[in-house]
Amino acid sequence: MKNDKTHKISRLDFLRLTARSVFLLSLGGFAGAVLARVKKKEAVWQIDPAKCTQCGKCATECVLRVSAVKCVHNFSICGYCNLCFGYFAPGQRELDTGAENQLCPTGAISRKFVEEPYYQYTINEPRCVGCGKCVKGCTSFGNGSLQLQVRHDRCKNCNECTIAKACPSNAFVRVPSDTPYITKEGI
C-alpha cells in the first residue's frame, strides 16, 4: 500500500490564494496597458508653419469635399492692424469690409473694430476652404499670425494624406496626437 499524502487546503486559504491571483493578474494587466499606451503614441498629420508656402494645394488635394485644413489665427502674435494683409486684397484704396476688398474668396475672415487703430480678425472655420491666400498675405507683409493647420475634428487621419503627398514644400509632418498643433511660438 502506498503512502498517500494529500495536501488539504481550507476554503479560507483557497479564497485568499484566488484573491491574490486576481489582484496580481489585474495589476499586471493594468501595468501592461499603461506601458502599451506610453510606447504607442499615435501620430497625426500637421502643417509646419515654417515650411508652408501657402501653395493652395490644401484646398484642392484633401480627400474630403471641404478640406480639413483651416486657417487659424494666433491672437498672441497679431498686431490687430488697421491694414491687415491677410484680410484685404492687395491694392485696396478703401479699408472697408466690402466683399470686393477682401482677400478671402469665401469671406471666412471677419473684422471687428476694437479701438483706434486696432481691429480683431476672426476666422469662420466652416467657411474656410484652406486655400491659404490670407496666410500668404499675412506672412508676406504682416507678422504671420495667420497660419494653416489640419483640424483633427475633421481630418480622417487616413495615414495616406493626399495633401502631404502633393505638398511641394514637405510642410506636412507627423506629430504626436497628444500635441497635435504646431504654432509659430513653438518654432
C-alpha atoms as a PDB file:
ATOM      1  CA  MET A   1       0.000   0.000   0.000  1.00  0.00           C
ATOM      2  CA  LYS A   2       1.286   3.409  -0.951  1.00  0.00           C
ATOM      3  CA  ASN A   3       1.649   6.176   1.497  1.00  0.00           C
ATOM      4  CA  ASP A   4      -0.787   8.681   0.002  1.00  0.00           C
ATOM      5  CA  LYS A   5      -0.287  12.088   1.489  1.00  0.00           C
ATOM      6  CA  THR A   6      -2.834  14.609   0.355  1.00  0.00           C
ATOM      7  CA  HIS A   7      -2.481  18.261   0.975  1.00  0.00           C
ATOM      8  CA  LYS A   8      -5.766  19.686   2.031  1.00  0.00           C
ATOM      9  CA  ILE A   9      -6.392  23.388   1.604  1.00  0.00           C
ATOM     10  CA  SER A  10      -9.017  25.141   3.627  1.00  0.00           C
ATOM     11  CA  ARG A  11     -11.744  27.171   1.989  1.00  0.00           C
ATOM     12  CA  LEU A  12     -10.354  30.368   3.548  1.00  0.00           C
ATOM     13  CA  ASP A  13      -6.848  29.664   2.183  1.00  0.00           C
ATOM     14  CA  PHE A  14      -8.330  28.934  -1.255  1.00  0.00           C
ATOM     15  CA  LEU A  15     -10.200  32.263  -1.277  1.00  0.00           C
ATOM     16  CA  ARG A  16      -7.083  34.143  -0.165  1.00  0.00           C
ATOM     17  CA  LEU A  17      -4.997  32.483  -2.882  1.00  0.00           C
ATOM     18  CA  THR A  18      -7.638  33.251  -5.515  1.00  0.00           C
ATOM     19  CA  ALA A  19      -7.917  36.886  -4.399  1.00  0.00           C
ATOM     20  CA  ARG A  20      -4.124  37.310  -4.566  1.00  0.00           C
ATOM     21  CA  SER A  21      -4.006  35.763  -8.030  1.00  0.00           C
ATOM     22  CA  VAL A  22      -6.796  38.002  -9.335  1.00  0.00           C
ATOM     23  CA  PHE A  23      -5.117  41.053  -7.828  1.00  0.00           C
ATOM     24  CA  LEU A  24      -1.735  40.199  -9.356  1.00  0.00           C
ATOM     25  CA  LEU A  25      -3.264  39.467 -12.757  1.00  0.00           C
ATOM     26  CA  SER A  26      -5.221  42.732 -12.774  1.00  0.00           C
ATOM     27  CA  LEU A  27      -2.146  44.662 -11.631  1.00  0.00           C
ATOM     28  CA  GLY A  28      -0.118  43.088 -14.435  1.00  0.00           C
ATOM     29  CA  GLY A  29      -2.858  43.852 -16.966  1.00  0.00           C
ATOM     30  CA  PHE A  30      -3.051  47.466 -15.805  1.00  0.00           C
ATOM     31  CA  ALA A  31       0.731  47.884 -15.977  1.00  0.00           C
ATOM     32  CA  GLY A  32       0.747  46.323 -19.450  1.00  0.00           C
ATOM     33  CA  ALA A  33      -1.993  48.672 -20.653  1.00  0.00           C
ATOM     34  CA  VAL A  34      -0.143  51.714 -19.303  1.00  0.00           C
ATOM     35  CA  LEU A  35       3.125  50.576 -20.865  1.00  0.00           C
ATOM     36  CA  ALA A  36       1.443  49.925 -24.218  1.00  0.00           C
ATOM     37  CA  ARG A  37      -0.149  53.370 -24.142  1.00  0.00           C
ATOM     38  CA  VAL A  38       3.167  55.046 -23.314  1.00  0.00           C
ATOM     39  CA  LYS A  39       5.018  53.113 -26.013  1.00  0.00           C
ATOM     40  CA  LYS A  40       2.447  53.564 -28.761  1.00  0.00           C
ATOM     41  CA  LYS A  41       1.796  57.271 -29.184  1.00  0.00           C
ATOM     42  CA  GLU A  42      -0.474  57.798 -32.122  1.00  0.00           C
ATOM     43  CA  ALA A  43       0.768  60.296 -34.680  1.00  0.00           C
ATOM     44  CA  VAL A  44      -1.359  62.729 -36.685  1.00  0.00           C
ATOM     45  CA  TRP A  45      -0.673  64.985 -39.660  1.00  0.00           C
ATOM     46  CA  GLN A  46       0.057  68.671 -39.149  1.00  0.00           C
ATOM     47  CA  ILE A  47       1.460  71.565 -41.162  1.00  0.00           C
ATOM     48  CA  ASP A  48       4.786  73.036 -40.121  1.00  0.00           C
ATOM     49  CA  PRO A  49       4.231  76.815 -40.492  1.00  0.00           C
ATOM     50  CA  ALA A  50       7.958  77.382 -41.025  1.00  0.00           C
ATOM     51  CA  LYS A  51       7.880  75.222 -44.182  1.00  0.00           C
ATOM     52  CA  CYS A  52       4.409  76.085 -45.543  1.00  0.00           C
ATOM     53  CA  THR A  53       4.455  78.170 -48.737  1.00  0.00           C
ATOM     54  CA  GLN A  54       0.655  78.652 -48.935  1.00  0.00           C
ATOM     55  CA  CYS A  55       0.575  76.991 -52.369  1.00  0.00           C
ATOM     56  CA  GLY A  56      -3.191  76.372 -52.310  1.00  0.00           C
ATOM     57  CA  LYS A  57      -2.978  72.576 -52.547  1.00  0.00           C
ATOM     58  CA  CYS A  58      -4.562  72.135 -49.103  1.00  0.00           C
ATOM     59  CA  ALA A  59      -7.848  73.379 -50.579  1.00  0.00           C
ATOM     60  CA  THR A  60      -7.785  71.050 -53.584  1.00  0.00           C
ATOM     61  CA  GLU A  61      -5.925  67.871 -52.596  1.00  0.00           C
ATOM     62  CA  CYS A  62      -7.785  66.752 -49.447  1.00  0.00           C
ATOM     63  CA  VAL A  63      -9.891  63.582 -49.783  1.00  0.00           C
ATOM     64  CA  LEU A  64     -12.734  65.375 -48.015  1.00  0.00           C
ATOM     65  CA  ARG A  65     -15.160  67.505 -50.007  1.00  0.00           C
ATOM     66  CA  VAL A  66     -14.205  70.510 -47.880  1.00  0.00           C
ATOM     67  CA  SER A  67     -10.577  70.360 -46.761  1.00  0.00           C
ATOM     68  CA  ALA A  68      -9.709  69.512 -43.152  1.00  0.00           C
ATOM     69  CA  VAL A  69      -7.050  72.240 -43.377  1.00  0.00           C
ATOM     70  CA  LYS A  70      -8.246  75.561 -41.992  1.00  0.00           C
ATOM     71  CA  CYS A  71      -6.751  78.947 -41.352  1.00  0.00           C
ATOM     72  CA  VAL A  72      -6.278  79.685 -37.669  1.00  0.00           C
ATOM     73  CA  HIS A  73      -5.432  82.994 -36.086  1.00  0.00           C
ATOM     74  CA  ASN A  74      -2.725  83.166 -33.448  1.00  0.00           C
ATOM     75  CA  PHE A  75      -4.020  86.143 -31.476  1.00  0.00           C
ATOM     76  CA  SER A  76      -0.947  86.258 -29.228  1.00  0.00           C
ATOM     77  CA  ILE A  77       1.290  87.481 -32.073  1.00  0.00           C
ATOM     78  CA  CYS A  78      -1.295  89.506 -34.024  1.00  0.00           C
ATOM     79  CA  GLY A  79      -0.741  93.235 -34.417  1.00  0.00           C
ATOM     80  CA  TYR A  80      -4.505  93.939 -34.761  1.00  0.00           C
ATOM     81  CA  CYS A  81      -3.611  96.113 -37.738  1.00  0.00           C
ATOM     82  CA  ASN A  82      -5.933  98.525 -39.494  1.00  0.00           C
ATOM     83  CA  LEU A  83      -4.416  97.364 -42.787  1.00  0.00           C
ATOM     84  CA  CYS A  84      -4.291  93.572 -42.464  1.00  0.00           C
ATOM     85  CA  PHE A  85      -2.659  91.949 -45.481  1.00  0.00           C
ATOM     86  CA  GLY A  86      -4.403  88.678 -44.637  1.00  0.00           C
ATOM     87  CA  TYR A  87      -7.791  90.388 -44.783  1.00  0.00           C
ATOM     88  CA  PHE A  88      -7.537  92.958 -47.565  1.00  0.00           C
ATOM     89  CA  ALA A  89      -6.827  92.160 -51.199  1.00  0.00           C
ATOM     90  CA  PRO A  90      -3.646  93.889 -52.455  1.00  0.00           C
ATOM     91  CA  GLY A  91      -4.052  97.426 -53.834  1.00  0.00           C
ATOM     92  CA  GLN A  92      -7.223  98.411 -51.983  1.00  0.00           C
ATOM     93  CA  ARG A  93      -7.883 102.135 -51.688  1.00  0.00           C
ATOM     94  CA  GLU A  94     -10.739 101.692 -49.202  1.00  0.00           C
ATOM     95  CA  LEU A  95     -10.212  99.837 -45.941  1.00  0.00           C
ATOM     96  CA  ASP A  96     -13.834  98.785 -45.506  1.00  0.00           C
ATOM     97  CA  THR A  97     -15.381  95.352 -45.114  1.00  0.00           C
ATOM     98  CA  GLY A  98     -16.884  95.176 -48.604  1.00  0.00           C
ATOM     99  CA  ALA A  99     -16.511  91.770 -50.261  1.00  0.00           C
ATOM    100  CA  GLU A 100     -14.654  93.340 -53.174  1.00  0.00           C
ATOM    101  CA  ASN A 101     -11.927  94.470 -50.762  1.00  0.00           C
ATOM    102  CA  GLN A 102     -11.475  91.129 -49.016  1.00  0.00           C
ATOM    103  CA  LEU A 103      -8.695  88.712 -49.887  1.00  0.00           C
ATOM    104  CA  CYS A 104     -10.563  85.592 -48.727  1.00  0.00           C
ATOM    105  CA  PRO A 105     -12.642  84.153 -51.593  1.00  0.00           C
ATOM    106  CA  THR A 106     -15.224  82.676 -49.196  1.00  0.00           C
ATOM    107  CA  GLY A 107     -15.491  85.587 -46.734  1.00  0.00           C
ATOM    108  CA  ALA A 108     -14.243  83.393 -43.879  1.00  0.00           C
ATOM    109  CA  ILE A 109     -12.449  86.261 -42.109  1.00  0.00           C
ATOM    110  CA  SER A 110     -14.435  88.863 -40.227  1.00  0.00           C
ATOM    111  CA  ARG A 111     -13.107  92.165 -38.957  1.00  0.00           C
ATOM    112  CA  LYS A 112     -14.312  93.866 -35.785  1.00  0.00           C
ATOM    113  CA  PHE A 113     -13.274  97.288 -34.520  1.00  0.00           C
ATOM    114  CA  VAL A 114     -11.586  97.176 -31.103  1.00  0.00           C
ATOM    115  CA  GLU A 115     -10.312 100.752 -30.576  1.00  0.00           C
ATOM    116  CA  GLU A 116      -8.412 103.209 -32.729  1.00  0.00           C
ATOM    117  CA  PRO A 117      -6.383 101.952 -34.655  1.00  0.00           C
ATOM    118  CA  TYR A 118      -6.943  98.269 -33.728  1.00  0.00           C
ATOM    119  CA  TYR A 119      -9.148  95.614 -35.320  1.00  0.00           C
ATOM    120  CA  GLN A 120      -9.722  91.993 -34.390  1.00  0.00           C
ATOM    121  CA  TYR A 121      -9.796  89.423 -37.188  1.00  0.00           C
ATOM    122  CA  THR A 122     -11.670  86.173 -36.636  1.00  0.00           C
ATOM    123  CA  ILE A 123     -11.773  83.057 -38.810  1.00  0.00           C
ATOM    124  CA  ASN A 124     -15.125  81.386 -39.502  1.00  0.00           C
ATOM    125  CA  GLU A 125     -13.711  77.853 -39.880  1.00  0.00           C
ATOM    126  CA  PRO A 126     -16.760  76.271 -41.560  1.00  0.00           C
ATOM    127  CA  ARG A 127     -16.397  78.824 -44.386  1.00  0.00           C
ATOM    128  CA  CYS A 128     -12.636  78.364 -44.720  1.00  0.00           C
ATOM    129  CA  VAL A 129     -11.525  76.080 -47.551  1.00  0.00           C
ATOM    130  CA  GLY A 130      -7.817  76.113 -46.669  1.00  0.00           C
ATOM    131  CA  CYS A 131      -6.686  77.998 -49.792  1.00  0.00           C
ATOM    132  CA  GLY A 132      -4.004  79.880 -47.807  1.00  0.00           C
ATOM    133  CA  LYS A 133      -4.442  83.260 -49.535  1.00  0.00           C
ATOM    134  CA  CYS A 134      -4.904  85.060 -46.230  1.00  0.00           C
ATOM    135  CA  VAL A 135      -1.939  83.237 -44.691  1.00  0.00           C
ATOM    136  CA  LYS A 136       0.251  84.171 -47.648  1.00  0.00           C
ATOM    137  CA  GLY A 137      -0.706  87.858 -47.298  1.00  0.00           C
ATOM    138  CA  CYS A 138      -0.161  87.850 -43.544  1.00  0.00           C
ATOM    139  CA  THR A 139       3.173  86.046 -43.826  1.00  0.00           C
ATOM    140  CA  SER A 140       4.479  88.137 -46.746  1.00  0.00           C
ATOM    141  CA  PHE A 141       3.627  91.591 -45.426  1.00  0.00           C
ATOM    142  CA  GLY A 142       2.500  91.118 -41.833  1.00  0.00           C
ATOM    143  CA  ASN A 143       3.643  89.341 -38.705  1.00  0.00           C
ATOM    144  CA  GLY A 144       2.387  85.878 -39.704  1.00  0.00           C
ATOM    145  CA  SER A 145      -0.344  85.497 -37.097  1.00  0.00           C
ATOM    146  CA  LEU A 146      -2.493  83.599 -39.612  1.00  0.00           C
ATOM    147  CA  GLN A 147      -1.437  80.035 -40.351  1.00  0.00           C
ATOM    148  CA  LEU A 148      -2.852  76.829 -41.814  1.00  0.00           C
ATOM    149  CA  GLN A 149      -3.498  73.821 -39.587  1.00  0.00           C
ATOM    150  CA  VAL A 150      -5.027  70.405 -40.025  1.00  0.00           C
ATOM    151  CA  ARG A 151      -8.139  70.395 -37.850  1.00  0.00           C
ATOM    152  CA  HIS A 152      -8.302  66.935 -36.299  1.00  0.00           C
ATOM    153  CA  ASP A 153     -12.027  67.047 -35.624  1.00  0.00           C
ATOM    154  CA  ARG A 154     -12.454  66.995 -39.423  1.00  0.00           C
ATOM    155  CA  CYS A 155      -9.425  65.022 -40.638  1.00  0.00           C
ATOM    156  CA  LYS A 156      -9.904  61.317 -41.358  1.00  0.00           C
ATOM    157  CA  ASN A 157      -6.295  60.662 -40.257  1.00  0.00           C
ATOM    158  CA  CYS A 158      -6.135  58.092 -43.026  1.00  0.00           C
ATOM    159  CA  ASN A 159      -2.328  57.817 -42.754  1.00  0.00           C
ATOM    160  CA  GLU A 160      -2.067  58.285 -46.528  1.00  0.00           C
ATOM    161  CA  CYS A 161      -2.646  62.030 -46.655  1.00  0.00           C
ATOM    162  CA  THR A 162      -3.069  63.177 -50.242  1.00  0.00           C
ATOM    163  CA  ILE A 163      -2.238  66.749 -49.293  1.00  0.00           C
ATOM    164  CA  ALA A 164       1.040  65.614 -47.725  1.00  0.00           C
ATOM    165  CA  LYS A 165       1.917  63.784 -50.952  1.00  0.00           C
ATOM    166  CA  ALA A 166       1.096  66.860 -53.057  1.00  0.00           C
ATOM    167  CA  CYS A 167       2.767  69.428 -50.776  1.00  0.00           C
ATOM    168  CA  PRO A 168       5.685  70.960 -52.708  1.00  0.00           C
ATOM    169  CA  SER A 169       7.479  72.157 -49.571  1.00  0.00           C
ATOM    170  CA  ASN A 170       7.073  68.975 -47.481  1.00  0.00           C
ATOM    171  CA  ALA A 171       5.350  71.059 -44.813  1.00  0.00           C
ATOM    172  CA  PHE A 172       3.148  68.139 -43.706  1.00  0.00           C
ATOM    173  CA  VAL A 173       4.717  66.304 -40.796  1.00  0.00           C
ATOM    174  CA  ARG A 174       3.605  63.638 -38.329  1.00  0.00           C
ATOM    175  CA  VAL A 175       3.301  64.854 -34.746  1.00  0.00           C
ATOM    176  CA  PRO A 176       2.206  63.055 -31.544  1.00  0.00           C
ATOM    177  CA  SER A 177      -1.566  63.092 -31.072  1.00  0.00           C
ATOM    178  CA  ASP A 178      -1.207  64.494 -27.551  1.00  0.00           C
ATOM    179  CA  THR A 179       0.391  67.660 -29.047  1.00  0.00           C
ATOM    180  CA  PRO A 180      -1.335  67.856 -32.446  1.00  0.00           C
ATOM    181  CA  TYR A 181      -0.819  71.527 -33.284  1.00  0.00           C
ATOM    182  CA  ILE A 182       2.335  73.420 -34.232  1.00  0.00           C
ATOM    183  CA  THR A 183       2.211  77.145 -33.576  1.00  0.00           C
ATOM    184  CA  LYS A 184       4.689  79.811 -34.548  1.00  0.00           C
ATOM    185  CA  GLU A 185       5.754  80.283 -30.922  1.00  0.00           C
ATOM    186  CA  GLY A 186       6.829  76.623 -30.971  1.00  0.00           C
ATOM    187  CA  ILE A 187       9.176  77.099 -33.927  1.00  0.00           C
END
